[in-house]
Amino acid sequence: NIQQRYFILDCRKSQSSQMKELRSFIADIKKELLQTKVKYPRVCVPIVKKLLPQLRKMMANPLMTRTEFVEAVKEHFAAEGQLVVHWDLVVDFLNTVGEVCRWV
């Protein structure tokens, strides 16, 4: 789906009303996608339920590079004694459901 909506914003001001409007818009799209009952791969469930909320609370700016994200995921799984090999598939899936943006 292509959305005909434009946002003019300063991404350096993460708490501006325009950024909040963008977050709300993205959350609405995410809800629509998730209503189709997307089944999360088992490896993505702890990332979505635990790690992403922790990262959002810790970071003043919600952007991180792909390398930083992969490192954070690796550290999370290493702390729980698990090993995940297919990082690209994990990031691709989380991008598809709107949890992360692959282009950052």
N, C-alpha and C. Protein backbone atom coordinates (compact mmCIF):
# COMPACT_ATOMS: atom_id res chain seq x y z
N ASN A 1 0.82 -1.19 0.00
CA ASN A 1 0.00 0.00 0.00
C ASN A 1 0.86 1.25 0.00
N ILE A 2 0.53 2.16 -0.87
CA ILE A 2 1.21 3.45 -0.90
C ILE A 2 0.29 4.46 -0.25
N GLN A 3 0.80 5.15 0.73
CA GLN A 3 0.01 6.13 1.47
C GLN A 3 0.27 7.53 0.90
N GLN A 4 -0.77 8.28 0.66
CA GLN A 4 -0.65 9.64 0.15
C GLN A 4 -0.66 10.61 1.32
N ARG A 5 0.40 10.59 2.09
CA ARG A 5 0.50 11.47 3.25
C ARG A 5 1.90 12.03 3.32
N TYR A 6 2.03 13.30 3.57
CA TYR A 6 3.33 13.95 3.62
C TYR A 6 3.60 14.48 5.01
N PHE A 7 4.85 14.39 5.43
CA PHE A 7 5.27 14.91 6.72
C PHE A 7 6.48 15.81 6.51
N ILE A 8 6.40 16.99 7.05
CA ILE A 8 7.55 17.89 7.05
C ILE A 8 8.01 17.98 8.50
N LEU A 9 9.24 17.53 8.74
CA LEU A 9 9.70 17.48 10.12
C LEU A 9 11.20 17.61 10.21
N ASP A 10 11.64 17.91 11.40
CA ASP A 10 13.05 17.99 11.72
C ASP A 10 13.36 16.75 12.56
N CYS A 11 14.08 15.79 11.98
CA CYS A 11 14.32 14.52 12.68
C CYS A 11 15.24 14.68 13.89
N ARG A 12 15.83 15.85 14.06
CA ARG A 12 16.67 16.08 15.24
C ARG A 12 15.83 16.40 16.47
N LYS A 13 14.56 16.71 16.26
CA LYS A 13 13.65 17.03 17.36
C LYS A 13 12.67 15.87 17.53
N SER A 14 13.12 14.86 18.26
CA SER A 14 12.35 13.62 18.35
C SER A 14 11.04 13.76 19.13
N GLN A 15 10.87 14.83 19.89
CA GLN A 15 9.63 15.00 20.66
C GLN A 15 8.71 16.07 20.07
N SER A 16 8.99 16.50 18.84
CA SER A 16 8.15 17.53 18.22
C SER A 16 6.78 16.96 17.87
N SER A 17 5.82 17.84 17.69
CA SER A 17 4.46 17.39 17.36
C SER A 17 4.43 16.67 16.01
N GLN A 18 5.29 17.09 15.07
CA GLN A 18 5.34 16.43 13.76
C GLN A 18 5.86 15.00 13.88
N MET A 19 6.88 14.80 14.73
CA MET A 19 7.40 13.45 14.94
C MET A 19 6.36 12.57 15.63
N LYS A 20 5.63 13.15 16.57
CA LYS A 20 4.58 12.39 17.25
C LYS A 20 3.49 12.00 16.26
N GLU A 21 3.15 12.91 15.35
CA GLU A 21 2.15 12.61 14.33
C GLU A 21 2.63 11.50 13.41
N LEU A 22 3.92 11.54 13.04
CA LEU A 22 4.49 10.49 12.20
C LEU A 22 4.46 9.15 12.93
N ARG A 23 4.86 9.13 14.20
CA ARG A 23 4.82 7.88 14.99
C ARG A 23 3.41 7.32 15.06
N SER A 24 2.45 8.19 15.26
CA SER A 24 1.05 7.77 15.33
C SER A 24 0.60 7.16 13.99
N PHE A 25 0.98 7.81 12.91
CA PHE A 25 0.63 7.33 11.58
C PHE A 25 1.24 5.95 11.33
N ILE A 26 2.52 5.79 11.69
CA ILE A 26 3.19 4.51 11.50
C ILE A 26 2.56 3.44 12.40
N ALA A 27 2.20 3.81 13.61
CA ALA A 27 1.55 2.85 14.53
C ALA A 27 0.21 2.38 13.95
N ASP A 28 -0.52 3.29 13.33
CA ASP A 28 -1.80 2.90 12.72
C ASP A 28 -1.60 1.92 11.58
N ILE A 29 -0.59 2.17 10.76
CA ILE A 29 -0.28 1.25 9.66
C ILE A 29 0.15 -0.11 10.22
N LYS A 30 0.96 -0.08 11.27
CA LYS A 30 1.41 -1.32 11.90
C LYS A 30 0.22 -2.12 12.42
N LYS A 31 -0.73 -1.44 13.06
CA LYS A 31 -1.92 -2.13 13.57
C LYS A 31 -2.69 -2.79 12.43
N GLU A 32 -2.81 -2.09 11.30
CA GLU A 32 -3.50 -2.67 10.14
C GLU A 32 -2.78 -3.93 9.67
N LEU A 33 -1.46 -3.86 9.59
CA LEU A 33 -0.69 -5.02 9.15
C LEU A 33 -0.82 -6.19 10.11
N LEU A 34 -0.79 -5.89 11.40
CA LEU A 34 -0.84 -6.96 12.39
C LEU A 34 -2.22 -7.58 12.53
N GLN A 35 -3.23 -6.88 12.06
CA GLN A 35 -4.58 -7.46 12.10
C GLN A 35 -4.71 -8.64 11.16
N THR A 36 -3.78 -8.76 10.23
CA THR A 36 -3.79 -9.90 9.32
C THR A 36 -3.18 -11.14 9.98
N LYS A 37 -2.89 -11.04 11.28
CA LYS A 37 -2.38 -12.16 12.07
C LYS A 37 -1.05 -12.68 11.54
N VAL A 38 -0.10 -11.79 11.36
CA VAL A 38 1.24 -12.19 10.94
C VAL A 38 1.84 -13.06 12.03
N LYS A 39 2.32 -14.21 11.66
CA LYS A 39 2.95 -15.09 12.63
C LYS A 39 4.43 -14.74 12.72
N TYR A 40 4.85 -14.31 13.90
CA TYR A 40 6.25 -13.94 14.11
C TYR A 40 7.10 -15.19 14.21
N PRO A 41 8.24 -15.20 13.53
CA PRO A 41 9.18 -16.30 13.75
C PRO A 41 9.59 -16.33 15.22
N ARG A 42 9.82 -17.50 15.74
CA ARG A 42 10.12 -17.67 17.16
C ARG A 42 11.28 -16.78 17.62
N VAL A 43 12.28 -16.60 16.77
CA VAL A 43 13.44 -15.81 17.17
C VAL A 43 13.10 -14.33 17.31
N CYS A 44 12.06 -13.86 16.63
CA CYS A 44 11.71 -12.44 16.67
C CYS A 44 10.85 -12.06 17.88
N VAL A 45 10.17 -13.02 18.47
CA VAL A 45 9.26 -12.72 19.58
C VAL A 45 9.98 -12.05 20.75
N PRO A 46 11.11 -12.59 21.26
CA PRO A 46 11.77 -11.89 22.37
C PRO A 46 12.33 -10.53 21.98
N ILE A 47 12.69 -10.37 20.72
CA ILE A 47 13.19 -9.07 20.27
C ILE A 47 12.09 -8.04 20.36
N VAL A 48 10.91 -8.39 19.88
CA VAL A 48 9.78 -7.46 19.86
C VAL A 48 9.23 -7.21 21.26
N LYS A 49 9.14 -8.25 22.07
CA LYS A 49 8.54 -8.10 23.39
C LYS A 49 9.47 -7.50 24.44
N LYS A 50 10.76 -7.80 24.37
CA LYS A 50 11.69 -7.34 25.41
C LYS A 50 12.69 -6.31 24.91
N LEU A 51 13.41 -6.66 23.86
CA LEU A 51 14.56 -5.84 23.46
C LEU A 51 14.15 -4.49 22.87
N LEU A 52 13.21 -4.46 21.95
CA LEU A 52 12.84 -3.18 21.32
C LEU A 52 12.30 -2.18 22.34
N PRO A 53 11.43 -2.57 23.27
CA PRO A 53 10.99 -1.60 24.29
C PRO A 53 12.15 -1.09 25.15
N GLN A 54 13.10 -1.97 25.48
CA GLN A 54 14.27 -1.55 26.26
C GLN A 54 15.10 -0.54 25.48
N LEU A 55 15.33 -0.82 24.19
CA LEU A 55 16.13 0.09 23.37
C LEU A 55 15.44 1.45 23.24
N ARG A 56 14.12 1.44 23.07
CA ARG A 56 13.38 2.69 22.93
C ARG A 56 13.47 3.55 24.19
N LYS A 57 13.45 2.90 25.35
CA LYS A 57 13.55 3.64 26.62
C LYS A 57 14.95 4.21 26.82
N MET A 58 15.98 3.47 26.40
CA MET A 58 17.36 3.88 26.64
C MET A 58 17.83 4.98 25.70
N MET A 59 17.25 5.07 24.53
CA MET A 59 17.77 5.96 23.51
C MET A 59 16.99 7.27 23.42
N ALA A 60 17.70 8.38 23.45
CA ALA A 60 17.05 9.68 23.26
C ALA A 60 16.62 9.83 21.81
N ASN A 61 17.46 9.37 20.90
CA ASN A 61 17.15 9.40 19.47
C ASN A 61 16.85 7.97 19.05
N PRO A 62 15.68 7.70 18.49
CA PRO A 62 15.29 6.32 18.21
C PRO A 62 15.97 5.70 16.99
N LEU A 63 16.99 6.36 16.43
CA LEU A 63 17.67 5.82 15.27
C LEU A 63 18.98 5.16 15.66
N MET A 64 19.24 4.03 15.04
CA MET A 64 20.53 3.36 15.22
C MET A 64 20.88 2.68 13.91
N THR A 65 22.15 2.50 13.67
CA THR A 65 22.56 1.85 12.43
C THR A 65 22.21 0.37 12.48
N ARG A 66 22.23 -0.24 11.32
CA ARG A 66 21.96 -1.68 11.25
C ARG A 66 22.97 -2.45 12.10
N THR A 67 24.24 -2.04 12.03
CA THR A 67 25.29 -2.71 12.81
C THR A 67 25.02 -2.59 14.30
N GLU A 68 24.64 -1.39 14.75
CA GLU A 68 24.33 -1.19 16.18
C GLU A 68 23.15 -2.06 16.60
N PHE A 69 22.14 -2.15 15.74
CA PHE A 69 20.97 -2.97 16.06
C PHE A 69 21.35 -4.44 16.16
N VAL A 70 22.10 -4.93 15.18
CA VAL A 70 22.52 -6.34 15.20
C VAL A 70 23.35 -6.63 16.44
N GLU A 71 24.24 -5.72 16.82
CA GLU A 71 25.05 -5.91 18.02
C GLU A 71 24.17 -5.96 19.28
N ALA A 72 23.16 -5.09 19.34
CA ALA A 72 22.26 -5.09 20.49
C ALA A 72 21.49 -6.41 20.57
N VAL A 73 21.06 -6.92 19.43
CA VAL A 73 20.34 -8.20 19.40
C VAL A 73 21.27 -9.34 19.81
N LYS A 74 22.50 -9.32 19.28
CA LYS A 74 23.46 -10.37 19.65
C LYS A 74 23.73 -10.37 21.15
N GLU A 75 23.92 -9.18 21.72
CA GLU A 75 24.16 -9.08 23.16
C GLU A 75 22.98 -9.60 23.95
N HIS A 76 21.76 -9.28 23.50
CA HIS A 76 20.56 -9.74 24.18
C HIS A 76 20.49 -11.26 24.19
N PHE A 77 20.72 -11.87 23.04
CA PHE A 77 20.65 -13.33 22.96
C PHE A 77 21.82 -14.00 23.67
N ALA A 78 22.99 -13.38 23.62
CA ALA A 78 24.15 -13.94 24.32
C ALA A 78 23.91 -13.95 25.83
N ALA A 79 23.25 -12.91 26.34
CA ALA A 79 22.95 -12.84 27.77
C ALA A 79 22.00 -13.95 28.18
N GLU A 80 21.17 -14.40 27.23
CA GLU A 80 20.23 -15.49 27.52
C GLU A 80 20.76 -16.85 27.08
N GLY A 81 22.03 -16.88 26.63
CA GLY A 81 22.65 -18.14 26.25
C GLY A 81 22.16 -18.71 24.94
N GLN A 82 21.68 -17.86 24.04
CA GLN A 82 21.17 -18.33 22.75
C GLN A 82 22.03 -17.76 21.63
N LEU A 83 22.04 -18.45 20.51
CA LEU A 83 22.80 -18.01 19.35
C LEU A 83 21.87 -17.94 18.15
N VAL A 84 21.90 -16.82 17.45
CA VAL A 84 21.10 -16.67 16.24
C VAL A 84 22.06 -16.36 15.11
N VAL A 85 21.90 -17.07 13.99
CA VAL A 85 22.84 -16.93 12.90
C VAL A 85 22.29 -16.06 11.76
N HIS A 86 21.03 -16.14 11.50
CA HIS A 86 20.44 -15.50 10.32
C HIS A 86 19.95 -14.08 10.63
N TRP A 87 20.89 -13.17 10.87
CA TRP A 87 20.53 -11.80 11.24
C TRP A 87 19.77 -11.09 10.15
N ASP A 88 20.17 -11.32 8.89
CA ASP A 88 19.49 -10.65 7.78
C ASP A 88 18.02 -11.02 7.72
N LEU A 89 17.70 -12.27 7.96
CA LEU A 89 16.30 -12.70 7.94
C LEU A 89 15.53 -12.07 9.09
N VAL A 90 16.16 -11.96 10.25
CA VAL A 90 15.51 -11.34 11.41
C VAL A 90 15.22 -9.87 11.11
N VAL A 91 16.21 -9.15 10.60
CA VAL A 91 16.04 -7.73 10.29
C VAL A 91 15.02 -7.55 9.17
N ASP A 92 15.05 -8.41 8.15
CA ASP A 92 14.08 -8.31 7.06
C ASP A 92 12.65 -8.48 7.57
N PHE A 93 12.45 -9.47 8.44
CA PHE A 93 11.11 -9.70 8.97
C PHE A 93 10.65 -8.51 9.82
N LEU A 94 11.50 -8.04 10.72
CA LEU A 94 11.13 -6.91 11.57
C LEU A 94 10.89 -5.65 10.76
N ASN A 95 11.58 -5.50 9.64
CA ASN A 95 11.33 -4.39 8.74
C ASN A 95 9.96 -4.55 8.09
N THR A 96 9.61 -5.76 7.68
CA THR A 96 8.34 -6.03 7.02
C THR A 96 7.15 -5.69 7.92
N VAL A 97 7.25 -5.99 9.20
CA VAL A 97 6.14 -5.71 10.12
C VAL A 97 6.23 -4.33 10.75
N GLY A 98 7.23 -3.53 10.36
CA GLY A 98 7.31 -2.15 10.81
C GLY A 98 7.98 -1.93 12.15
N GLU A 99 8.69 -2.91 12.66
CA GLU A 99 9.37 -2.76 13.94
C GLU A 99 10.70 -2.02 13.80
N VAL A 100 11.39 -2.24 12.70
CA VAL A 100 12.65 -1.56 12.44
C VAL A 100 12.64 -1.08 11.00
N CYS A 101 13.49 -0.11 10.72
CA CYS A 101 13.63 0.41 9.37
C CYS A 101 14.98 -0.02 8.84
N ARG A 102 14.97 -0.78 7.80
CA ARG A 102 16.20 -1.37 7.28
C ARG A 102 17.14 -0.34 6.68
N TRP A 103 16.65 0.82 6.30
CA TRP A 103 17.48 1.77 5.56
C TRP A 103 18.34 2.63 6.45
N VAL A 104 18.18 2.57 7.74
CA VAL A 104 18.96 3.43 8.64
C VAL A 104 20.31 2.82 8.86
